[in-house]
Amino acid sequence: MALAFAQPGTAVGFGESLRSSLRPLPDLSQLRCHQVHVARSDDGVTFRADSQPVLDAATAPDAVPDGNGLRLYVVNGEPGKHGIWTVRLEDDGASWRRGSYEPIQIDGAVSGDIAQPDVLRLPDGRLRLYYYAGYFVTHQPKPFPGMVERPHRIMTAVSSDGVNFTGEGRAILLDSAENPTVVPIGDGRYLLAVNQPKSRRILIGISKESSRFVLNGAVLSGGAPELTMLADGSLRLLHDVPGGFGSFRSRDGGRVWEAEAGLRLTSANPVAEPTAVNLGVAGWRLFYRAIKPGCTKS
C-alpha cells in the first residue's frame, strides 16, 4: 500500500486571510542530524554506551519488549517523513538485527504532526501509545491575545500489532507539555510524567486506568523524563542533565521525589530523551538521542 506524507509548507483549502494569520512551520531540518544510541547496564543504575548508533536521522526513542526482541518507536528525521515510525530489533550482543522500518498509522492514516512516542504494554497484551500531537507539517494558528503558551495535547491510541493504532483521545492537556512517559505503579494506578522544555519543569500525573490523567502536584526540575518501576516497588525518573542522564527516586508512588547521586550515563556530548527497558536476566537497555558528530542541518 502506498503511503502519502504531508510535505512541510503544504496548506490545503485555506483562504488568504486565514493563511496570513497562521504561524510559520517549524524548521525540522535539524532532525536529520539526530541519532538513536543505546547503552547497557546489569543493574539499571550505571549504563555503558555502545560505540555505534542504532538509527540515523531519528529522534525521541521509546522501546518496549516484543517476544525475543524489542519494538523501537522513534520520530523519523528524514526530510518529508516526519512522524512516529517503528522497527523491530533483536540484539545478538554485538549488533542489532533490524526488521521493517515503517510509519505507524492511527485510524488508518499516517500523520506528520505526531511526535515523542511512549508505549506501554497493557495487561491484555495490547500496546497503548502516548504521543504529543502538535503542528509539525500543518500550520499552527496564532495564539490568542495574551496567551503565552499554547496548551499541548498528549494523546493516546491502542494497537494489537504495534503498527496500526486506534485513536482513543486526549490523556492530558497542559501548557507546553511534551515527552510523555507512563508506568504502572503496582496498585492499579498509572503514573505520567511530562516536561515543559522552556522552563525545564517536569510535571507528574496520576490515572486509575492509564488513558486519562490529572496532575498530582509534584514538580521537578529537568529535561525530557523517563519513568521506570524498580524491583523494590520504587520509581526512578531519568532525565537529561549536563554531562549525561541524572535521576530522581520516589518511594511513595510518585508524590515525593529525591535526586539520586551521580549520573546513570556519562556522556561528553549532549544527550536527551532517554527510554529504559528492563530485560530481566539480560539486563537493562537505555535508548536515547544524540547528535551525529560533524552534522549540520541542510
C-alpha atoms as a PDB file:
ATOM      1  CA  MET A   1       0.000   0.000   0.000  1.00  0.00           C
ATOM      2  CA  ALA A   2       1.395   3.399  -0.953  1.00  0.00           C
ATOM      3  CA  LEU A   3       1.689   5.890   1.873  1.00  0.00           C
ATOM      4  CA  ALA A   4       1.301   9.622   1.364  1.00  0.00           C
ATOM      5  CA  PHE A   5       3.167  12.066   3.579  1.00  0.00           C
ATOM      6  CA  ALA A   6       2.224  15.674   4.125  1.00  0.00           C
ATOM      7  CA  GLN A   7       5.018  17.965   2.957  1.00  0.00           C
ATOM      8  CA  PRO A   8       6.168  20.909   5.087  1.00  0.00           C
ATOM      9  CA  GLY A   9       4.577  24.121   3.880  1.00  0.00           C
ATOM     10  CA  THR A  10       1.553  22.437   2.323  1.00  0.00           C
ATOM     11  CA  ALA A  11      -1.739  24.181   3.038  1.00  0.00           C
ATOM     12  CA  VAL A  12      -4.992  22.855   1.647  1.00  0.00           C
ATOM     13  CA  GLY A  13      -8.226  24.824   1.492  1.00  0.00           C
ATOM     14  CA  PHE A  14      -7.042  27.948   3.359  1.00  0.00           C
ATOM     15  CA  GLY A  15      -8.116  31.374   2.182  1.00  0.00           C
ATOM     16  CA  GLU A  16      -5.559  34.188   2.106  1.00  0.00           C
ATOM     17  CA  SER A  17      -6.965  35.888   5.212  1.00  0.00           C
ATOM     18  CA  LEU A  18      -6.616  32.705   7.259  1.00  0.00           C
ATOM     19  CA  ARG A  19      -3.233  31.831   5.762  1.00  0.00           C
ATOM     20  CA  SER A  20      -1.816  35.223   6.761  1.00  0.00           C
ATOM     21  CA  SER A  21      -2.830  34.629  10.384  1.00  0.00           C
ATOM     22  CA  LEU A  22      -1.011  31.299  10.670  1.00  0.00           C
ATOM     23  CA  ARG A  23       2.375  30.824  12.288  1.00  0.00           C
ATOM     24  CA  PRO A  24       5.254  29.558  10.114  1.00  0.00           C
ATOM     25  CA  LEU A  25       6.051  25.860  10.132  1.00  0.00           C
ATOM     26  CA  PRO A  26       8.857  24.738  12.451  1.00  0.00           C
ATOM     27  CA  ASP A  27      12.276  24.035  10.954  1.00  0.00           C
ATOM     28  CA  LEU A  28      12.671  20.255  11.096  1.00  0.00           C
ATOM     29  CA  SER A  29      15.942  20.051   9.164  1.00  0.00           C
ATOM     30  CA  GLN A  30      17.997  19.612  12.345  1.00  0.00           C
ATOM     31  CA  LEU A  31      16.371  16.212  12.899  1.00  0.00           C
ATOM     32  CA  ARG A  32      18.462  14.678  10.115  1.00  0.00           C
ATOM     33  CA  CYS A  33      21.452  15.140  12.464  1.00  0.00           C
ATOM     34  CA  HIS A  34      19.823  13.200  15.306  1.00  0.00           C
ATOM     35  CA  GLN A  35      20.801   9.610  16.072  1.00  0.00           C
ATOM     36  CA  VAL A  36      19.365   6.976  18.388  1.00  0.00           C
ATOM     37  CA  HIS A  37      22.004   5.339  20.583  1.00  0.00           C
ATOM     38  CA  VAL A  38      21.810   2.562  23.161  1.00  0.00           C
ATOM     39  CA  ALA A  39      23.599   1.856  26.446  1.00  0.00           C
ATOM     40  CA  ARG A  40      23.649  -1.307  28.573  1.00  0.00           C
ATOM     41  CA  SER A  41      23.506  -1.992  32.293  1.00  0.00           C
ATOM     42  CA  ASP A  42      23.349  -5.040  34.543  1.00  0.00           C
ATOM     43  CA  ASP A  43      21.735  -3.171  37.431  1.00  0.00           C
ATOM     44  CA  GLY A  44      19.863  -0.257  35.809  1.00  0.00           C
ATOM     45  CA  VAL A  45      21.994   2.217  37.748  1.00  0.00           C
ATOM     46  CA  THR A  46      25.155   2.655  35.671  1.00  0.00           C
ATOM     47  CA  PHE A  47      24.976   2.372  31.880  1.00  0.00           C
ATOM     48  CA  ARG A  48      27.725   1.905  29.272  1.00  0.00           C
ATOM     49  CA  ALA A  49      27.088   3.248  25.775  1.00  0.00           C
ATOM     50  CA  ASP A  50      27.573   1.164  22.624  1.00  0.00           C
ATOM     51  CA  SER A  51      30.017   2.689  20.166  1.00  0.00           C
ATOM     52  CA  GLN A  52      27.639   2.805  17.182  1.00  0.00           C
ATOM     53  CA  PRO A  53      24.139   4.286  16.828  1.00  0.00           C
ATOM     54  CA  VAL A  54      21.091   2.104  16.348  1.00  0.00           C
ATOM     55  CA  LEU A  55      19.399   4.503  13.896  1.00  0.00           C
ATOM     56  CA  ASP A  56      20.424   7.593  11.937  1.00  0.00           C
ATOM     57  CA  ALA A  57      18.090  10.528  11.251  1.00  0.00           C
ATOM     58  CA  ALA A  58      15.827   9.522  14.133  1.00  0.00           C
ATOM     59  CA  THR A  59      14.962  11.046  17.497  1.00  0.00           C
ATOM     60  CA  ALA A  60      12.739  10.703  20.612  1.00  0.00           C
ATOM     61  CA  PRO A  61      13.050   6.901  21.005  1.00  0.00           C
ATOM     62  CA  ASP A  62      10.880   4.607  23.070  1.00  0.00           C
ATOM     63  CA  ALA A  63      11.226   0.829  23.335  1.00  0.00           C
ATOM     64  CA  VAL A  64       9.016  -2.000  24.563  1.00  0.00           C
ATOM     65  CA  PRO A  65       9.855  -5.735  24.847  1.00  0.00           C
ATOM     66  CA  ASP A  66       8.448  -7.727  21.928  1.00  0.00           C
ATOM     67  CA  GLY A  67       8.908 -11.504  22.067  1.00  0.00           C
ATOM     68  CA  ASN A  68      12.638 -12.238  21.930  1.00  0.00           C
ATOM     69  CA  GLY A  69      13.417  -8.698  20.836  1.00  0.00           C
ATOM     70  CA  LEU A  70      12.324  -5.099  21.185  1.00  0.00           C
ATOM     71  CA  ARG A  71       9.994  -2.843  19.269  1.00  0.00           C
ATOM     72  CA  LEU A  72      11.502   0.617  18.959  1.00  0.00           C
ATOM     73  CA  TYR A  73       9.441   3.734  18.265  1.00  0.00           C
ATOM     74  CA  VAL A  74      11.099   6.943  17.064  1.00  0.00           C
ATOM     75  CA  VAL A  75      10.374  10.197  15.283  1.00  0.00           C
ATOM     76  CA  ASN A  76      11.733   9.946  11.746  1.00  0.00           C
ATOM     77  CA  GLY A  77      14.171  12.760  10.953  1.00  0.00           C
ATOM     78  CA  GLU A  78      14.377  12.168   7.210  1.00  0.00           C
ATOM     79  CA  PRO A  79      13.062  15.056   5.077  1.00  0.00           C
ATOM     80  CA  GLY A  80       9.358  14.686   4.295  1.00  0.00           C
ATOM     81  CA  LYS A  81       8.878  11.725   6.642  1.00  0.00           C
ATOM     82  CA  HIS A  82       8.274  13.402   9.997  1.00  0.00           C
ATOM     83  CA  GLY A  83       6.074  11.350  12.284  1.00  0.00           C
ATOM     84  CA  ILE A  84       6.272   8.280  14.503  1.00  0.00           C
ATOM     85  CA  TRP A  85       7.928   5.228  12.950  1.00  0.00           C
ATOM     86  CA  THR A  86       8.622   1.786  14.364  1.00  0.00           C
ATOM     87  CA  VAL A  87      11.159  -1.001  13.839  1.00  0.00           C
ATOM     88  CA  ARG A  88      11.629  -4.375  15.492  1.00  0.00           C
ATOM     89  CA  LEU A  89      15.123  -5.025  16.878  1.00  0.00           C
ATOM     90  CA  GLU A  90      16.942  -8.145  18.018  1.00  0.00           C
ATOM     91  CA  ASP A  91      20.186  -7.849  19.975  1.00  0.00           C
ATOM     92  CA  ASP A  92      22.829 -10.508  19.338  1.00  0.00           C
ATOM     93  CA  GLY A  93      25.262  -8.881  21.751  1.00  0.00           C
ATOM     94  CA  ALA A  94      27.457  -7.383  19.041  1.00  0.00           C
ATOM     95  CA  SER A  95      24.938  -5.704  16.734  1.00  0.00           C
ATOM     96  CA  TRP A  96      21.232  -5.103  16.250  1.00  0.00           C
ATOM     97  CA  ARG A  97      19.221  -7.004  13.649  1.00  0.00           C
ATOM     98  CA  ARG A  98      16.528  -4.754  12.238  1.00  0.00           C
ATOM     99  CA  GLY A  99      13.125  -5.628  10.888  1.00  0.00           C
ATOM    100  CA  SER A 100      10.906  -3.488   8.682  1.00  0.00           C
ATOM    101  CA  TYR A 101      11.132   0.253   9.421  1.00  0.00           C
ATOM    102  CA  GLU A 102       7.697   1.761   8.849  1.00  0.00           C
ATOM    103  CA  PRO A 103       5.395   4.573   9.962  1.00  0.00           C
ATOM    104  CA  ILE A 104       2.647   3.825  12.419  1.00  0.00           C
ATOM    105  CA  GLN A 105      -0.932   4.525  11.429  1.00  0.00           C
ATOM    106  CA  ILE A 106      -3.653   5.928  13.664  1.00  0.00           C
ATOM    107  CA  ASP A 107      -7.189   5.276  12.447  1.00  0.00           C
ATOM    108  CA  GLY A 108      -5.761   4.180   9.102  1.00  0.00           C
ATOM    109  CA  ALA A 109      -3.699   7.313   8.435  1.00  0.00           C
ATOM    110  CA  VAL A 110      -0.044   8.324   8.690  1.00  0.00           C
ATOM    111  CA  SER A 111       0.419  11.700  10.392  1.00  0.00           C
ATOM    112  CA  GLY A 112       3.394  14.043  10.284  1.00  0.00           C
ATOM    113  CA  ASP A 113       2.002  16.063  13.189  1.00  0.00           C
ATOM    114  CA  ILE A 114       2.703  13.493  15.925  1.00  0.00           C
ATOM    115  CA  ALA A 115       5.916  13.021  17.889  1.00  0.00           C
ATOM    116  CA  GLN A 116       7.571  11.899  21.139  1.00  0.00           C
ATOM    117  CA  PRO A 117       6.123   8.383  21.478  1.00  0.00           C
ATOM    118  CA  ASP A 118       5.859   6.410  24.696  1.00  0.00           C
ATOM    119  CA  VAL A 119       4.439   2.885  24.544  1.00  0.00           C
ATOM    120  CA  LEU A 120       3.018   0.791  27.380  1.00  0.00           C
ATOM    121  CA  ARG A 121       2.053  -2.872  27.152  1.00  0.00           C
ATOM    122  CA  LEU A 122      -1.380  -3.362  28.704  1.00  0.00           C
ATOM    123  CA  PRO A 123      -2.444  -6.396  30.782  1.00  0.00           C
ATOM    124  CA  ASP A 124      -4.381  -7.771  27.779  1.00  0.00           C
ATOM    125  CA  GLY A 125      -1.253  -7.677  25.580  1.00  0.00           C
ATOM    126  CA  ARG A 126      -2.199  -4.651  23.512  1.00  0.00           C
ATOM    127  CA  LEU A 127       0.036  -1.605  23.256  1.00  0.00           C
ATOM    128  CA  ARG A 128      -1.054   1.848  24.337  1.00  0.00           C
ATOM    129  CA  LEU A 129       0.755   4.721  22.621  1.00  0.00           C
ATOM    130  CA  TYR A 130       1.130   8.128  24.255  1.00  0.00           C
ATOM    131  CA  TYR A 131       2.256  10.952  21.992  1.00  0.00           C
ATOM    132  CA  TYR A 132       2.399  14.697  21.549  1.00  0.00           C
ATOM    133  CA  ALA A 133       0.034  15.928  18.833  1.00  0.00           C
ATOM    134  CA  GLY A 134       1.383  19.221  17.510  1.00  0.00           C
ATOM    135  CA  TYR A 135       1.785  21.255  14.335  1.00  0.00           C
ATOM    136  CA  PHE A 136       4.890  19.993  12.551  1.00  0.00           C
ATOM    137  CA  VAL A 137       3.702  19.752   8.946  1.00  0.00           C
ATOM    138  CA  THR A 138       0.376  21.553   9.389  1.00  0.00           C
ATOM    139  CA  HIS A 139       0.251  25.304  10.018  1.00  0.00           C
ATOM    140  CA  GLN A 140      -0.452  26.249  13.616  1.00  0.00           C
ATOM    141  CA  PRO A 141      -2.955  29.029  14.369  1.00  0.00           C
ATOM    142  CA  LYS A 142      -1.535  32.002  16.216  1.00  0.00           C
ATOM    143  CA  PRO A 143      -2.120  32.055  19.990  1.00  0.00           C
ATOM    144  CA  PHE A 144      -4.985  34.121  21.311  1.00  0.00           C
ATOM    145  CA  PRO A 145      -4.040  37.611  22.568  1.00  0.00           C
ATOM    146  CA  GLY A 146      -2.365  37.364  25.958  1.00  0.00           C
ATOM    147  CA  MET A 147      -1.747  33.643  25.588  1.00  0.00           C
ATOM    148  CA  VAL A 148       1.860  32.766  26.496  1.00  0.00           C
ATOM    149  CA  GLU A 149       1.962  29.056  25.718  1.00  0.00           C
ATOM    150  CA  ARG A 150      -0.498  27.078  23.625  1.00  0.00           C
ATOM    151  CA  PRO A 151      -1.782  24.032  25.522  1.00  0.00           C
ATOM    152  CA  HIS A 152      -0.194  20.856  24.187  1.00  0.00           C
ATOM    153  CA  ARG A 153      -2.245  17.729  23.613  1.00  0.00           C
ATOM    154  CA  ILE A 154      -0.889  14.441  24.926  1.00  0.00           C
ATOM    155  CA  MET A 155      -2.954  11.807  23.135  1.00  0.00           C
ATOM    156  CA  THR A 156      -3.396   8.027  23.335  1.00  0.00           C
ATOM    157  CA  ALA A 157      -4.040   5.209  20.869  1.00  0.00           C
ATOM    158  CA  VAL A 158      -4.093   1.398  21.169  1.00  0.00           C
ATOM    159  CA  SER A 159      -2.842  -1.398  18.922  1.00  0.00           C
ATOM    160  CA  SER A 160      -2.685  -5.182  18.766  1.00  0.00           C
ATOM    161  CA  ASP A 161       0.225  -5.335  16.307  1.00  0.00           C
ATOM    162  CA  GLY A 162       2.300  -2.287  17.273  1.00  0.00           C
ATOM    163  CA  VAL A 163       1.884  -0.610  13.877  1.00  0.00           C
ATOM    164  CA  ASN A 164      -1.826   0.010  13.332  1.00  0.00           C
ATOM    165  CA  PHE A 165      -3.399   2.027  16.141  1.00  0.00           C
ATOM    166  CA  THR A 166      -6.904   3.177  17.011  1.00  0.00           C
ATOM    167  CA  GLY A 167      -7.118   6.660  18.482  1.00  0.00           C
ATOM    168  CA  GLU A 168      -8.601   6.994  21.968  1.00  0.00           C
ATOM    169  CA  GLY A 169      -8.469  10.702  22.672  1.00  0.00           C
ATOM    170  CA  ARG A 170      -6.644  13.049  24.984  1.00  0.00           C
ATOM    171  CA  ALA A 171      -4.708  11.838  28.026  1.00  0.00           C
ATOM    172  CA  ILE A 172      -4.000  15.334  29.345  1.00  0.00           C
ATOM    173  CA  LEU A 173      -3.878  18.941  28.127  1.00  0.00           C
ATOM    174  CA  LEU A 174      -1.143  21.146  29.603  1.00  0.00           C
ATOM    175  CA  ASP A 175       0.720  24.294  28.632  1.00  0.00           C
ATOM    176  CA  SER A 176       3.798  23.362  26.554  1.00  0.00           C
ATOM    177  CA  ALA A 177       3.771  19.733  27.796  1.00  0.00           C
ATOM    178  CA  GLU A 178       5.941  17.311  25.826  1.00  0.00           C
ATOM    179  CA  ASN A 179       7.751  13.953  26.066  1.00  0.00           C
ATOM    180  CA  PRO A 180       5.134  11.832  27.885  1.00  0.00           C
ATOM    181  CA  THR A 181       6.212   8.734  29.804  1.00  0.00           C
ATOM    182  CA  VAL A 182       3.854   6.360  31.634  1.00  0.00           C
ATOM    183  CA  VAL A 183       4.430   3.448  34.025  1.00  0.00           C
ATOM    184  CA  PRO A 184       2.105   1.253  36.127  1.00  0.00           C
ATOM    185  CA  ILE A 185       2.778   1.715  39.837  1.00  0.00           C
ATOM    186  CA  GLY A 186       1.521  -1.620  41.124  1.00  0.00           C
ATOM    187  CA  ASP A 187      -1.791  -0.735  42.764  1.00  0.00           C
ATOM    188  CA  GLY A 188      -3.961  -0.431  39.668  1.00  0.00           C
ATOM    189  CA  ARG A 189      -2.858   3.132  39.063  1.00  0.00           C
ATOM    190  CA  TYR A 190      -0.545   4.630  36.458  1.00  0.00           C
ATOM    191  CA  LEU A 191       1.910   7.487  36.671  1.00  0.00           C
ATOM    192  CA  LEU A 192       2.601  10.006  33.894  1.00  0.00           C
ATOM    193  CA  ALA A 193       5.497  12.437  33.579  1.00  0.00           C
ATOM    194  CA  VAL A 194       5.812  15.234  31.009  1.00  0.00           C
ATOM    195  CA  ASN A 195       8.210  18.127  30.731  1.00  0.00           C
ATOM    196  CA  GLN A 196       7.905  21.783  29.790  1.00  0.00           C
ATOM    197  CA  PRO A 197      11.112  22.379  27.802  1.00  0.00           C
ATOM    198  CA  LYS A 198      11.404  26.159  28.129  1.00  0.00           C
ATOM    199  CA  SER A 199      11.184  26.129  31.925  1.00  0.00           C
ATOM    200  CA  ARG A 200      12.786  22.661  32.316  1.00  0.00           C
ATOM    201  CA  ARG A 201       9.954  21.631  34.610  1.00  0.00           C
ATOM    202  CA  ILE A 202       8.736  18.047  34.925  1.00  0.00           C
ATOM    203  CA  LEU A 203       5.096  17.527  35.937  1.00  0.00           C
ATOM    204  CA  ILE A 204       3.627  14.300  37.314  1.00  0.00           C
ATOM    205  CA  GLY A 205       0.114  12.975  36.654  1.00  0.00           C
ATOM    206  CA  ILE A 206      -1.904  10.055  38.001  1.00  0.00           C
ATOM    207  CA  SER A 207      -4.587   7.792  36.466  1.00  0.00           C
ATOM    208  CA  LYS A 208      -6.713   4.829  37.553  1.00  0.00           C
ATOM    209  CA  GLU A 209      -6.984   3.355  34.039  1.00  0.00           C
ATOM    210  CA  SER A 210      -3.925   4.618  32.082  1.00  0.00           C
ATOM    211  CA  SER A 211      -5.681   6.783  29.487  1.00  0.00           C
ATOM    212  CA  ARG A 212      -6.827   9.933  31.362  1.00  0.00           C
ATOM    213  CA  PHE A 213      -4.549  11.725  33.809  1.00  0.00           C
ATOM    214  CA  VAL A 214      -4.701  14.528  36.364  1.00  0.00           C
ATOM    215  CA  LEU A 215      -1.695  16.227  37.960  1.00  0.00           C
ATOM    216  CA  ASN A 216      -0.666  15.044  41.430  1.00  0.00           C
ATOM    217  CA  GLY A 217       1.109  18.293  42.355  1.00  0.00           C
ATOM    218  CA  ALA A 218       4.711  17.077  42.116  1.00  0.00           C
ATOM    219  CA  VAL A 219       7.049  19.372  40.158  1.00  0.00           C
ATOM    220  CA  LEU A 220      10.678  18.503  39.359  1.00  0.00           C
ATOM    221  CA  SER A 221      13.450  20.291  37.504  1.00  0.00           C
ATOM    222  CA  GLY A 222      14.912  18.563  34.461  1.00  0.00           C
ATOM    223  CA  GLY A 223      14.685  17.656  30.804  1.00  0.00           C
ATOM    224  CA  ALA A 224      12.699  15.015  28.913  1.00  0.00           C
ATOM    225  CA  PRO A 225      11.703  12.360  31.505  1.00  0.00           C
ATOM    226  CA  GLU A 226      11.588   8.564  31.533  1.00  0.00           C
ATOM    227  CA  LEU A 227       9.759   6.644  34.267  1.00  0.00           C
ATOM    228  CA  THR A 228      10.730   3.127  35.347  1.00  0.00           C
ATOM    229  CA  MET A 229       9.454   0.817  38.076  1.00  0.00           C
ATOM    230  CA  LEU A 230      12.184  -0.890  40.110  1.00  0.00           C
ATOM    231  CA  ALA A 231      12.184  -4.330  41.727  1.00  0.00           C
ATOM    232  CA  ASP A 232      11.566  -2.925  45.218  1.00  0.00           C
ATOM    233  CA  GLY A 233       8.447  -1.058  44.055  1.00  0.00           C
ATOM    234  CA  SER A 234      10.081   2.355  43.993  1.00  0.00           C
ATOM    235  CA  LEU A 235      10.139   4.594  40.925  1.00  0.00           C
ATOM    236  CA  ARG A 236      13.060   6.091  39.061  1.00  0.00           C
ATOM    237  CA  LEU A 237      12.748   9.090  36.761  1.00  0.00           C
ATOM    238  CA  LEU A 238      15.627   9.588  34.316  1.00  0.00           C
ATOM    239  CA  HIS A 239      16.229  12.964  32.663  1.00  0.00           C
ATOM    240  CA  ASP A 240      18.989  14.753  30.796  1.00  0.00           C
ATOM    241  CA  VAL A 241      21.462  16.932  32.677  1.00  0.00           C
ATOM    242  CA  PRO A 242      24.807  18.451  31.659  1.00  0.00           C
ATOM    243  CA  GLY A 243      27.177  15.515  31.176  1.00  0.00           C
ATOM    244  CA  GLY A 244      24.607  12.759  30.702  1.00  0.00           C
ATOM    245  CA  PHE A 245      21.490  11.450  32.441  1.00  0.00           C
ATOM    246  CA  GLY A 246      20.623  12.016  36.089  1.00  0.00           C
ATOM    247  CA  SER A 247      17.692  10.609  38.035  1.00  0.00           C
ATOM    248  CA  PHE A 248      15.138  11.084  40.789  1.00  0.00           C
ATOM    249  CA  ARG A 249      13.715   8.353  43.039  1.00  0.00           C
ATOM    250  CA  SER A 250      10.253   8.075  44.596  1.00  0.00           C
ATOM    251  CA  ARG A 251       9.249   5.544  47.241  1.00  0.00           C
ATOM    252  CA  ASP A 252       5.652   6.697  47.761  1.00  0.00           C
ATOM    253  CA  GLY A 253       4.055   6.258  44.336  1.00  0.00           C
ATOM    254  CA  GLY A 254       5.314   9.463  42.754  1.00  0.00           C
ATOM    255  CA  ARG A 255       4.313  12.148  45.242  1.00  0.00           C
ATOM    256  CA  VAL A 256       7.737  12.879  46.751  1.00  0.00           C
ATOM    257  CA  TRP A 257      10.976  12.648  44.766  1.00  0.00           C
ATOM    258  CA  GLU A 258      14.626  12.781  45.800  1.00  0.00           C
ATOM    259  CA  ALA A 259      17.569  13.420  43.487  1.00  0.00           C
ATOM    260  CA  GLU A 260      19.906  10.419  43.224  1.00  0.00           C
ATOM    261  CA  ALA A 261      23.651  10.938  43.461  1.00  0.00           C
ATOM    262  CA  GLY A 262      25.808  10.628  40.346  1.00  0.00           C
ATOM    263  CA  LEU A 263      24.827  10.006  36.739  1.00  0.00           C
ATOM    264  CA  ARG A 264      23.150   6.959  35.242  1.00  0.00           C
ATOM    265  CA  LEU A 265      25.016   7.596  31.973  1.00  0.00           C
ATOM    266  CA  THR A 266      28.010   9.859  31.494  1.00  0.00           C
ATOM    267  CA  SER A 267      28.454  11.465  28.072  1.00  0.00           C
ATOM    268  CA  ALA A 268      30.874  14.078  26.791  1.00  0.00           C
ATOM    269  CA  ASN A 269      28.330  15.015  24.120  1.00  0.00           C
ATOM    270  CA  PRO A 270      24.788  16.298  24.734  1.00  0.00           C
ATOM    271  CA  VAL A 271      22.188  13.531  25.105  1.00  0.00           C
ATOM    272  CA  ALA A 272      18.428  13.664  25.666  1.00  0.00           C
ATOM    273  CA  GLU A 273      15.117  11.780  25.535  1.00  0.00           C
ATOM    274  CA  PRO A 274      16.022   8.582  27.431  1.00  0.00           C
ATOM    275  CA  THR A 275      13.965   5.399  27.454  1.00  0.00           C
ATOM    276  CA  ALA A 276      14.932   2.462  29.686  1.00  0.00           C
ATOM    277  CA  VAL A 277      13.867  -1.179  29.238  1.00  0.00           C
ATOM    278  CA  ASN A 278      14.332  -3.949  31.807  1.00  0.00           C
ATOM    279  CA  LEU A 279      15.054  -7.242  30.006  1.00  0.00           C
ATOM    280  CA  GLY A 280      15.357  -9.354  33.155  1.00  0.00           C
ATOM    281  CA  VAL A 281      18.425 -11.617  33.139  1.00  0.00           C
ATOM    282  CA  ALA A 282      19.663  -9.812  30.005  1.00  0.00           C
ATOM    283  CA  GLY A 283      19.918  -6.566  31.966  1.00  0.00           C
ATOM    284  CA  TRP A 284      18.763  -3.092  31.026  1.00  0.00           C
ATOM    285  CA  ARG A 285      18.898  -1.167  27.757  1.00  0.00           C
ATOM    286  CA  LEU A 286      18.812   2.629  27.632  1.00  0.00           C
ATOM    287  CA  PHE A 287      17.953   4.217  24.279  1.00  0.00           C
ATOM    288  CA  TYR A 288      18.469   7.934  23.828  1.00  0.00           C
ATOM    289  CA  ARG A 289      19.009  10.736  21.331  1.00  0.00           C
ATOM    290  CA  ALA A 290      22.384  12.249  20.455  1.00  0.00           C
ATOM    291  CA  ILE A 291      23.690  14.482  17.663  1.00  0.00           C
ATOM    292  CA  LYS A 292      25.724  12.999  14.808  1.00  0.00           C
ATOM    293  CA  PRO A 293      29.284  14.391  15.029  1.00  0.00           C
ATOM    294  CA  GLY A 294      30.041  16.974  12.365  1.00  0.00           C
ATOM    295  CA  CYS A 295      26.488  17.021  11.033  1.00  0.00           C
ATOM    296  CA  THR A 296      24.898  20.315  10.035  1.00  0.00           C
ATOM    297  CA  LYS A 297      21.268  20.796   9.148  1.00  0.00           C
ATOM    298  CA  SER A 298      20.507  21.316   5.476  1.00  0.00           C
END
